[in-house]
Amino acid sequence: MTDQKSSPSEMIRVPTALIPVVRQLSKLHRQGHTIALLQGLEELISQFDSNIDIDVAPSNKSVLQLEKKLETKLDVITKKLELIERAMASGRYNTARPRSSAYSYQQSQVELQPKANENLAQRLAVSPQSLIAERENKNAQEFISWTRNRDPMSVGWEWNDKQGLYYPVK
């Protein structure tokens, strides 16, 4: 007899409602019922017919609930898109990453102002507390490098203790 090794398990995402079913299928697989399980699933799937009459009338309760959920999600997405469009139109967000090439002189240079902890934290997409922790746990060069890696325009920032502000590093 030849031993057939099963392939390693894979992680998959399933809808929450199917988690108990997937666990049961996994249990049956571990108990050695894989072939019978696959045959049963094939038979079940083959019994489905695309000609089955399913009630998808607009008055169906499930259809109405699904429609309401979709409308709510679409409203949220629409509002977020409108916010993004307004921000882009106002110039608040620059979608182009600065190039580090010989043509960089063509870009208009914007003078960055010193920033308070909250403002720089927002720019770097971290909490003010974590920004302070990074500043305190790193030496000056490490902190500049860390901020440069997080900054949307790859600008490094250094802390000025006397001013209590962060200054851009050229």
N, C-alpha and C. Protein backbone atom coordinates (compact mmCIF):
# COMPACT_ATOMS: atom_id res chain seq x y z
N MET A 1 0.83 -1.19 0.00
CA MET A 1 0.00 0.00 0.00
C MET A 1 0.87 1.25 0.00
N THR A 2 0.42 2.26 -0.71
CA THR A 2 1.17 3.51 -0.73
C THR A 2 0.46 4.52 0.15
N ASP A 3 1.25 5.23 0.90
CA ASP A 3 0.69 6.27 1.76
C ASP A 3 0.48 7.53 0.94
N GLN A 4 -0.71 8.06 0.99
CA GLN A 4 -0.98 9.33 0.32
C GLN A 4 -0.96 10.42 1.37
N LYS A 5 -0.03 11.34 1.18
CA LYS A 5 0.05 12.46 2.12
C LYS A 5 -0.93 13.54 1.69
N SER A 6 -1.64 14.06 2.66
CA SER A 6 -2.56 15.15 2.33
C SER A 6 -1.76 16.45 2.25
N SER A 7 -2.27 17.36 1.46
CA SER A 7 -1.60 18.65 1.33
C SER A 7 -1.76 19.42 2.63
N PRO A 8 -0.82 20.32 2.90
CA PRO A 8 -0.91 21.09 4.15
C PRO A 8 -2.19 21.93 4.16
N SER A 9 -2.67 22.18 5.37
CA SER A 9 -3.89 22.97 5.52
C SER A 9 -3.67 24.38 5.03
N GLU A 10 -4.72 24.96 4.49
CA GLU A 10 -4.67 26.34 4.04
C GLU A 10 -5.65 27.15 4.86
N MET A 11 -5.29 28.40 5.12
CA MET A 11 -6.18 29.30 5.83
C MET A 11 -7.10 29.94 4.78
N ILE A 12 -8.39 29.91 5.04
CA ILE A 12 -9.34 30.54 4.13
C ILE A 12 -10.32 31.36 4.94
N ARG A 13 -10.90 32.36 4.28
CA ARG A 13 -11.93 33.18 4.92
C ARG A 13 -13.28 32.66 4.47
N VAL A 14 -14.18 32.53 5.42
CA VAL A 14 -15.54 32.09 5.11
C VAL A 14 -16.52 33.02 5.80
N PRO A 15 -17.72 33.15 5.25
CA PRO A 15 -18.72 33.97 5.94
C PRO A 15 -18.98 33.42 7.34
N THR A 16 -19.24 34.30 8.26
CA THR A 16 -19.46 33.94 9.66
C THR A 16 -20.50 32.84 9.81
N ALA A 17 -21.55 32.91 9.02
CA ALA A 17 -22.62 31.91 9.13
C ALA A 17 -22.15 30.51 8.77
N LEU A 18 -21.06 30.41 7.99
CA LEU A 18 -20.58 29.10 7.56
C LEU A 18 -19.49 28.51 8.47
N ILE A 19 -19.03 29.26 9.45
CA ILE A 19 -17.95 28.78 10.32
C ILE A 19 -18.29 27.44 10.97
N PRO A 20 -19.49 27.26 11.57
CA PRO A 20 -19.79 25.96 12.18
C PRO A 20 -19.76 24.81 11.15
N VAL A 21 -20.23 25.08 9.95
CA VAL A 21 -20.24 24.05 8.91
C VAL A 21 -18.82 23.68 8.52
N VAL A 22 -17.97 24.70 8.35
CA VAL A 22 -16.58 24.45 7.97
C VAL A 22 -15.86 23.67 9.07
N ARG A 23 -16.15 23.99 10.32
CA ARG A 23 -15.55 23.24 11.43
C ARG A 23 -15.97 21.77 11.39
N GLN A 24 -17.25 21.54 11.10
CA GLN A 24 -17.75 20.15 11.02
C GLN A 24 -17.09 19.42 9.86
N LEU A 25 -16.96 20.10 8.71
CA LEU A 25 -16.29 19.49 7.56
C LEU A 25 -14.83 19.16 7.90
N SER A 26 -14.17 20.05 8.60
CA SER A 26 -12.79 19.83 9.00
C SER A 26 -12.68 18.63 9.93
N LYS A 27 -13.63 18.52 10.85
CA LYS A 27 -13.64 17.39 11.80
C LYS A 27 -13.82 16.08 11.03
N LEU A 28 -14.75 16.05 10.08
CA LEU A 28 -14.96 14.84 9.27
C LEU A 28 -13.71 14.49 8.47
N HIS A 29 -13.03 15.51 7.95
CA HIS A 29 -11.79 15.29 7.21
C HIS A 29 -10.73 14.66 8.11
N ARG A 30 -10.57 15.19 9.33
CA ARG A 30 -9.58 14.63 10.26
C ARG A 30 -9.91 13.20 10.66
N GLN A 31 -11.20 12.86 10.64
CA GLN A 31 -11.61 11.50 11.00
C GLN A 31 -11.45 10.53 9.83
N GLY A 32 -10.98 11.04 8.68
CA GLY A 32 -10.72 10.16 7.55
C GLY A 32 -11.89 9.98 6.60
N HIS A 33 -12.88 10.83 6.67
CA HIS A 33 -14.06 10.71 5.81
C HIS A 33 -13.99 11.64 4.60
N THR A 34 -12.80 12.01 4.18
CA THR A 34 -12.64 13.01 3.13
C THR A 34 -13.26 12.58 1.81
N ILE A 35 -13.01 11.36 1.36
CA ILE A 35 -13.52 10.89 0.06
C ILE A 35 -15.04 10.84 0.08
N ALA A 36 -15.62 10.28 1.14
CA ALA A 36 -17.08 10.22 1.25
C ALA A 36 -17.67 11.62 1.31
N LEU A 37 -16.98 12.50 2.01
CA LEU A 37 -17.43 13.88 2.14
C LEU A 37 -17.45 14.56 0.78
N LEU A 38 -16.37 14.40 0.00
CA LEU A 38 -16.30 15.01 -1.32
C LEU A 38 -17.39 14.46 -2.25
N GLN A 39 -17.63 13.15 -2.18
CA GLN A 39 -18.66 12.54 -3.02
C GLN A 39 -20.04 13.09 -2.64
N GLY A 40 -20.29 13.22 -1.35
CA GLY A 40 -21.57 13.76 -0.89
C GLY A 40 -21.76 15.20 -1.34
N LEU A 41 -20.69 16.00 -1.27
CA LEU A 41 -20.78 17.39 -1.71
C LEU A 41 -21.03 17.46 -3.21
N GLU A 42 -20.37 16.60 -3.98
CA GLU A 42 -20.59 16.58 -5.43
C GLU A 42 -22.04 16.24 -5.76
N GLU A 43 -22.60 15.26 -5.06
CA GLU A 43 -24.00 14.89 -5.30
C GLU A 43 -24.93 16.05 -4.96
N LEU A 44 -24.66 16.70 -3.83
CA LEU A 44 -25.48 17.82 -3.40
C LEU A 44 -25.43 18.95 -4.42
N ILE A 45 -24.23 19.27 -4.87
CA ILE A 45 -24.07 20.36 -5.84
C ILE A 45 -24.75 20.01 -7.15
N SER A 46 -24.64 18.76 -7.57
CA SER A 46 -25.26 18.37 -8.84
C SER A 46 -26.78 18.44 -8.79
N GLN A 47 -27.37 18.40 -7.58
CA GLN A 47 -28.81 18.49 -7.45
C GLN A 47 -29.33 19.92 -7.66
N PHE A 48 -28.43 20.90 -7.53
CA PHE A 48 -28.85 22.28 -7.77
C PHE A 48 -28.99 22.50 -9.26
N ASP A 49 -30.04 23.19 -9.62
CA ASP A 49 -30.31 23.44 -11.02
C ASP A 49 -30.52 24.92 -11.20
N SER A 50 -29.92 25.49 -12.22
CA SER A 50 -30.07 26.92 -12.43
C SER A 50 -31.50 27.29 -12.80
N ASN A 51 -32.33 26.29 -13.11
CA ASN A 51 -33.72 26.58 -13.48
C ASN A 51 -34.65 26.62 -12.26
N ILE A 52 -34.12 26.43 -11.07
CA ILE A 52 -34.96 26.46 -9.87
C ILE A 52 -35.56 27.85 -9.74
N ASP A 53 -36.83 27.88 -9.46
CA ASP A 53 -37.53 29.15 -9.34
C ASP A 53 -37.33 29.69 -7.93
N ILE A 54 -36.57 30.77 -7.83
CA ILE A 54 -36.31 31.40 -6.54
C ILE A 54 -37.07 32.72 -6.50
N ASP A 55 -37.70 32.99 -5.37
CA ASP A 55 -38.50 34.20 -5.23
C ASP A 55 -37.59 35.40 -4.99
N VAL A 56 -37.30 36.14 -6.05
CA VAL A 56 -36.50 37.34 -5.92
C VAL A 56 -37.34 38.57 -6.27
N ALA A 57 -38.61 38.46 -6.02
CA ALA A 57 -39.50 39.60 -6.28
C ALA A 57 -39.14 40.75 -5.35
N PRO A 58 -39.29 41.97 -5.85
CA PRO A 58 -38.94 43.13 -5.01
C PRO A 58 -39.70 43.17 -3.69
N SER A 59 -40.81 42.49 -3.59
CA SER A 59 -41.58 42.51 -2.35
C SER A 59 -41.10 41.46 -1.34
N ASN A 60 -40.19 40.56 -1.74
CA ASN A 60 -39.67 39.52 -0.85
C ASN A 60 -38.93 40.19 0.31
N LYS A 61 -39.20 39.73 1.53
CA LYS A 61 -38.62 40.34 2.75
C LYS A 61 -37.09 40.30 2.72
N SER A 62 -36.51 39.17 2.32
CA SER A 62 -35.05 39.05 2.27
C SER A 62 -34.45 40.01 1.26
N VAL A 63 -35.11 40.13 0.12
CA VAL A 63 -34.63 41.04 -0.92
C VAL A 63 -34.69 42.48 -0.42
N LEU A 64 -35.76 42.83 0.27
CA LEU A 64 -35.90 44.19 0.81
C LEU A 64 -34.82 44.49 1.85
N GLN A 65 -34.53 43.50 2.72
CA GLN A 65 -33.49 43.70 3.74
C GLN A 65 -32.12 43.87 3.09
N LEU A 66 -31.84 43.04 2.10
CA LEU A 66 -30.56 43.13 1.40
C LEU A 66 -30.43 44.47 0.68
N GLU A 67 -31.50 44.89 0.06
CA GLU A 67 -31.52 46.17 -0.63
C GLU A 67 -31.24 47.32 0.33
N LYS A 68 -31.84 47.27 1.50
CA LYS A 68 -31.65 48.33 2.51
C LYS A 68 -30.19 48.37 2.98
N LYS A 69 -29.60 47.17 3.23
CA LYS A 69 -28.20 47.11 3.64
C LYS A 69 -27.29 47.69 2.57
N LEU A 70 -27.55 47.32 1.32
CA LEU A 70 -26.73 47.81 0.22
C LEU A 70 -26.84 49.32 0.08
N GLU A 71 -28.05 49.86 0.23
CA GLU A 71 -28.24 51.30 0.14
C GLU A 71 -27.45 52.00 1.24
N THR A 72 -27.49 51.47 2.45
CA THR A 72 -26.77 52.07 3.57
C THR A 72 -25.27 52.07 3.29
N LYS A 73 -24.76 50.94 2.83
CA LYS A 73 -23.32 50.85 2.54
C LYS A 73 -22.93 51.78 1.39
N LEU A 74 -23.77 51.86 0.37
CA LEU A 74 -23.49 52.75 -0.75
C LEU A 74 -23.50 54.21 -0.31
N ASP A 75 -24.41 54.57 0.60
CA ASP A 75 -24.45 55.93 1.13
C ASP A 75 -23.15 56.27 1.86
N VAL A 76 -22.68 55.35 2.67
CA VAL A 76 -21.43 55.56 3.42
C VAL A 76 -20.27 55.72 2.45
N ILE A 77 -20.19 54.85 1.45
CA ILE A 77 -19.11 54.92 0.47
C ILE A 77 -19.18 56.24 -0.31
N THR A 78 -20.38 56.64 -0.71
CA THR A 78 -20.56 57.89 -1.45
C THR A 78 -20.09 59.08 -0.63
N LYS A 79 -20.44 59.11 0.66
CA LYS A 79 -20.02 60.22 1.53
C LYS A 79 -18.50 60.26 1.67
N LYS A 80 -17.88 59.09 1.83
CA LYS A 80 -16.42 59.05 1.96
C LYS A 80 -15.75 59.53 0.67
N LEU A 81 -16.28 59.11 -0.47
CA LEU A 81 -15.73 59.56 -1.75
C LEU A 81 -15.86 61.07 -1.91
N GLU A 82 -16.99 61.62 -1.48
CA GLU A 82 -17.18 63.07 -1.55
C GLU A 82 -16.14 63.79 -0.68
N LEU A 83 -15.88 63.25 0.51
CA LEU A 83 -14.87 63.86 1.38
C LEU A 83 -13.48 63.82 0.74
N ILE A 84 -13.17 62.69 0.14
CA ILE A 84 -11.86 62.54 -0.52
C ILE A 84 -11.75 63.52 -1.69
N GLU A 85 -12.83 63.62 -2.50
CA GLU A 85 -12.82 64.55 -3.63
C GLU A 85 -12.62 65.99 -3.17
N ARG A 86 -13.33 66.37 -2.09
CA ARG A 86 -13.18 67.73 -1.57
C ARG A 86 -11.77 67.98 -1.07
N ALA A 87 -11.21 67.00 -0.38
CA ALA A 87 -9.85 67.15 0.14
C ALA A 87 -8.84 67.27 -1.00
N MET A 88 -9.04 66.46 -2.05
CA MET A 88 -8.12 66.53 -3.18
C MET A 88 -8.27 67.87 -3.91
N ALA A 89 -9.50 68.34 -4.07
CA ALA A 89 -9.75 69.61 -4.75
C ALA A 89 -9.14 70.78 -3.98
N SER A 90 -9.15 70.68 -2.65
CA SER A 90 -8.59 71.77 -1.84
C SER A 90 -7.07 71.71 -1.78
N GLY A 91 -6.49 70.63 -2.33
CA GLY A 91 -5.04 70.49 -2.31
C GLY A 91 -4.50 69.94 -1.02
N ARG A 92 -5.39 69.48 -0.14
CA ARG A 92 -4.96 68.96 1.15
C ARG A 92 -4.15 67.67 1.00
N TYR A 93 -4.51 66.88 0.00
CA TYR A 93 -3.81 65.62 -0.23
C TYR A 93 -3.13 65.66 -1.57
N ASN A 94 -1.86 65.38 -1.57
CA ASN A 94 -1.10 65.30 -2.81
C ASN A 94 -0.97 63.82 -3.14
N THR A 95 -1.62 63.38 -4.23
CA THR A 95 -1.63 61.95 -4.55
C THR A 95 -0.33 61.51 -5.22
N ALA A 96 0.45 62.45 -5.71
CA ALA A 96 1.70 62.06 -6.38
C ALA A 96 2.82 61.96 -5.36
N ARG A 97 3.54 60.86 -5.40
CA ARG A 97 4.71 60.70 -4.54
C ARG A 97 5.86 61.51 -5.14
N PRO A 98 6.63 62.20 -4.31
CA PRO A 98 7.75 62.96 -4.86
C PRO A 98 8.78 62.01 -5.47
N ARG A 99 9.30 62.42 -6.61
CA ARG A 99 10.30 61.60 -7.29
C ARG A 99 11.67 61.97 -6.78
N SER A 100 12.50 60.99 -6.64
CA SER A 100 13.89 61.27 -6.31
C SER A 100 14.68 61.03 -7.58
N SER A 101 14.61 62.01 -8.47
CA SER A 101 15.30 61.88 -9.75
C SER A 101 15.92 63.22 -10.11
N ALA A 102 16.53 63.26 -11.26
CA ALA A 102 17.17 64.49 -11.73
C ALA A 102 16.14 65.57 -12.02
N TYR A 103 14.88 65.21 -12.16
CA TYR A 103 13.84 66.18 -12.50
C TYR A 103 13.15 66.76 -11.28
N SER A 104 13.64 66.50 -10.10
CA SER A 104 12.96 66.96 -8.91
C SER A 104 12.92 68.48 -8.80
N TYR A 105 13.83 69.18 -9.50
CA TYR A 105 13.84 70.63 -9.44
C TYR A 105 12.58 71.24 -10.06
N GLN A 106 11.86 70.47 -10.90
CA GLN A 106 10.67 70.97 -11.55
C GLN A 106 9.48 71.05 -10.59
N GLN A 107 9.54 70.30 -9.50
CA GLN A 107 8.43 70.30 -8.56
C GLN A 107 8.45 71.58 -7.74
N SER A 108 7.27 72.11 -7.48
CA SER A 108 7.22 73.30 -6.65
C SER A 108 7.52 72.89 -5.21
N GLN A 109 8.42 73.61 -4.61
CA GLN A 109 8.83 73.30 -3.25
C GLN A 109 7.91 74.00 -2.26
N VAL A 110 7.31 73.23 -1.37
CA VAL A 110 6.46 73.78 -0.33
C VAL A 110 7.25 73.77 0.96
N GLU A 111 7.33 74.92 1.59
CA GLU A 111 8.07 75.02 2.84
C GLU A 111 7.23 74.41 3.95
N LEU A 112 7.74 73.35 4.55
CA LEU A 112 7.03 72.70 5.65
C LEU A 112 7.28 73.47 6.94
N GLN A 113 6.23 73.64 7.69
CA GLN A 113 6.30 74.37 8.95
C GLN A 113 6.54 73.40 10.10
N PRO A 114 7.12 73.89 11.19
CA PRO A 114 7.26 73.04 12.38
C PRO A 114 5.89 72.56 12.83
N LYS A 115 5.87 71.39 13.42
CA LYS A 115 4.58 70.80 13.80
C LYS A 115 4.59 70.40 15.27
N ALA A 116 3.41 70.55 15.88
CA ALA A 116 3.20 70.09 17.24
C ALA A 116 3.01 68.58 17.21
N ASN A 117 3.07 67.95 18.36
CA ASN A 117 2.96 66.50 18.47
C ASN A 117 1.71 65.96 17.77
N GLU A 118 0.55 66.56 18.05
CA GLU A 118 -0.72 66.07 17.48
C GLU A 118 -0.73 66.17 15.96
N ASN A 119 -0.19 67.29 15.43
CA ASN A 119 -0.20 67.51 13.98
C ASN A 119 0.73 66.52 13.27
N LEU A 120 1.92 66.32 13.82
CA LEU A 120 2.84 65.39 13.18
C LEU A 120 2.33 63.96 13.30
N ALA A 121 1.74 63.63 14.44
CA ALA A 121 1.18 62.28 14.62
C ALA A 121 0.13 62.01 13.56
N GLN A 122 -0.72 63.00 13.30
CA GLN A 122 -1.76 62.83 12.27
C GLN A 122 -1.12 62.66 10.89
N ARG A 123 -0.10 63.44 10.60
CA ARG A 123 0.59 63.35 9.30
C ARG A 123 1.23 61.98 9.12
N LEU A 124 1.76 61.42 10.19
CA LEU A 124 2.44 60.13 10.12
C LEU A 124 1.50 58.95 10.34
N ALA A 125 0.24 59.23 10.56
CA ALA A 125 -0.80 58.20 10.77
C ALA A 125 -0.50 57.33 11.99
N VAL A 126 -0.11 57.99 13.08
CA VAL A 126 0.11 57.31 14.35
C VAL A 126 -0.59 58.11 15.44
N SER A 127 -0.71 57.54 16.61
CA SER A 127 -1.30 58.29 17.72
C SER A 127 -0.23 59.21 18.32
N PRO A 128 -0.66 60.31 18.93
CA PRO A 128 0.32 61.20 19.57
C PRO A 128 1.17 60.48 20.62
N GLN A 129 0.55 59.53 21.36
CA GLN A 129 1.30 58.79 22.37
C GLN A 129 2.39 57.92 21.75
N SER A 130 2.08 57.27 20.63
CA SER A 130 3.09 56.41 20.01
C SER A 130 4.20 57.24 19.39
N LEU A 131 3.88 58.45 18.91
CA LEU A 131 4.92 59.34 18.38
C LEU A 131 5.90 59.71 19.48
N ILE A 132 5.37 60.07 20.64
CA ILE A 132 6.23 60.41 21.78
C ILE A 132 7.08 59.20 22.19
N ALA A 133 6.46 58.03 22.24
CA ALA A 133 7.20 56.82 22.62
C ALA A 133 8.33 56.54 21.64
N GLU A 134 8.07 56.68 20.35
CA GLU A 134 9.13 56.45 19.35
C GLU A 134 10.26 57.47 19.53
N ARG A 135 9.90 58.73 19.77
CA ARG A 135 10.91 59.77 19.96
C ARG A 135 11.78 59.48 21.18
N GLU A 136 11.15 58.99 22.25
CA GLU A 136 11.89 58.73 23.48
C GLU A 136 12.71 57.45 23.43
N ASN A 137 12.29 56.48 22.60
CA ASN A 137 12.98 55.18 22.55
C ASN A 137 14.02 55.09 21.43
N LYS A 138 14.14 56.10 20.61
CA LYS A 138 15.11 56.08 19.51
C LYS A 138 16.08 57.24 19.67
N ASN A 139 17.29 57.05 19.12
CA ASN A 139 18.19 58.19 19.10
C ASN A 139 17.74 59.12 17.98
N ALA A 140 18.35 60.29 17.87
CA ALA A 140 17.89 61.32 16.93
C ALA A 140 17.87 60.81 15.49
N GLN A 141 18.93 60.13 15.06
CA GLN A 141 19.00 59.65 13.67
C GLN A 141 17.96 58.56 13.41
N GLU A 142 17.77 57.68 14.36
CA GLU A 142 16.76 56.62 14.20
C GLU A 142 15.36 57.23 14.10
N PHE A 143 15.12 58.26 14.91
CA PHE A 143 13.80 58.90 14.89
C PHE A 143 13.56 59.59 13.55
N ILE A 144 14.57 60.28 13.04
CA ILE A 144 14.44 60.94 11.74
C ILE A 144 14.15 59.90 10.66
N SER A 145 14.87 58.80 10.69
CA SER A 145 14.65 57.73 9.71
C SER A 145 13.24 57.15 9.84
N TRP A 146 12.81 56.93 11.07
CA TRP A 146 11.47 56.36 11.31
C TRP A 146 10.39 57.30 10.78
N THR A 147 10.53 58.61 11.05
CA THR A 147 9.53 59.56 10.56
C THR A 147 9.56 59.64 9.04
N ARG A 148 10.76 59.59 8.46
CA ARG A 148 10.88 59.65 7.00
C ARG A 148 10.14 58.47 6.35
N ASN A 149 10.23 57.31 6.96
CA ASN A 149 9.56 56.12 6.43
C ASN A 149 8.04 56.20 6.55
N ARG A 150 7.54 56.97 7.50
CA ARG A 150 6.09 57.08 7.71
C ARG A 150 5.48 58.30 7.02
N ASP A 151 6.29 59.29 6.72
CA ASP A 151 5.78 60.55 6.17
C ASP A 151 5.32 60.34 4.72
N PRO A 152 4.16 60.91 4.35
CA PRO A 152 3.65 60.73 2.98
C PRO A 152 4.55 61.32 1.90
N MET A 153 5.41 62.29 2.29
CA MET A 153 6.33 62.88 1.32
C MET A 153 7.78 62.50 1.63
N SER A 154 7.96 61.47 2.46
CA SER A 154 9.29 60.97 2.84
C SER A 154 10.17 62.05 3.46
N VAL A 155 9.55 62.90 4.26
CA VAL A 155 10.29 63.95 4.97
C VAL A 155 10.64 63.41 6.35
N GLY A 156 11.88 63.63 6.76
CA GLY A 156 12.28 63.27 8.12
C GLY A 156 11.97 64.42 9.06
N TRP A 157 11.71 64.10 10.30
CA TRP A 157 11.37 65.12 11.29
C TRP A 157 12.24 64.94 12.52
N GLU A 158 12.68 66.09 13.10
CA GLU A 158 13.46 66.02 14.33
C GLU A 158 12.81 66.88 15.40
N TRP A 159 13.00 66.46 16.63
CA TRP A 159 12.40 67.11 17.79
C TRP A 159 13.32 68.22 18.28
N ASN A 160 12.73 69.40 18.52
CA ASN A 160 13.45 70.51 19.12
C ASN A 160 12.89 70.68 20.52
N ASP A 161 13.67 70.30 21.50
CA ASP A 161 13.22 70.30 22.89
C ASP A 161 12.91 71.71 23.39
N LYS A 162 13.71 72.71 22.97
CA LYS A 162 13.49 74.08 23.43
C LYS A 162 12.17 74.64 22.91
N GLN A 163 11.87 74.37 21.65
CA GLN A 163 10.65 74.88 21.04
C GLN A 163 9.44 74.00 21.32
N GLY A 164 9.69 72.73 21.62
CA GLY A 164 8.60 71.79 21.83
C GLY A 164 7.87 71.47 20.53
N LEU A 165 8.62 71.51 19.42
CA LEU A 165 8.04 71.25 18.09
C LEU A 165 8.94 70.32 17.29
N TYR A 166 8.36 69.73 16.25
CA TYR A 166 9.10 68.88 15.33
C TYR A 166 9.42 69.72 14.08
N TYR A 167 10.66 69.64 13.62
CA TYR A 167 11.08 70.39 12.43
C TYR A 167 11.46 69.44 11.31
N PRO A 168 11.12 69.82 10.07
CA PRO A 168 11.49 68.95 8.94
C PRO A 168 13.00 68.96 8.75
N VAL A 169 13.52 67.80 8.34
CA VAL A 169 14.95 67.66 8.09
C VAL A 169 15.15 67.62 6.59
N LYS A 170 16.02 68.48 6.10
CA LYS A 170 16.27 68.55 4.66
C LYS A 170 17.29 67.52 4.23
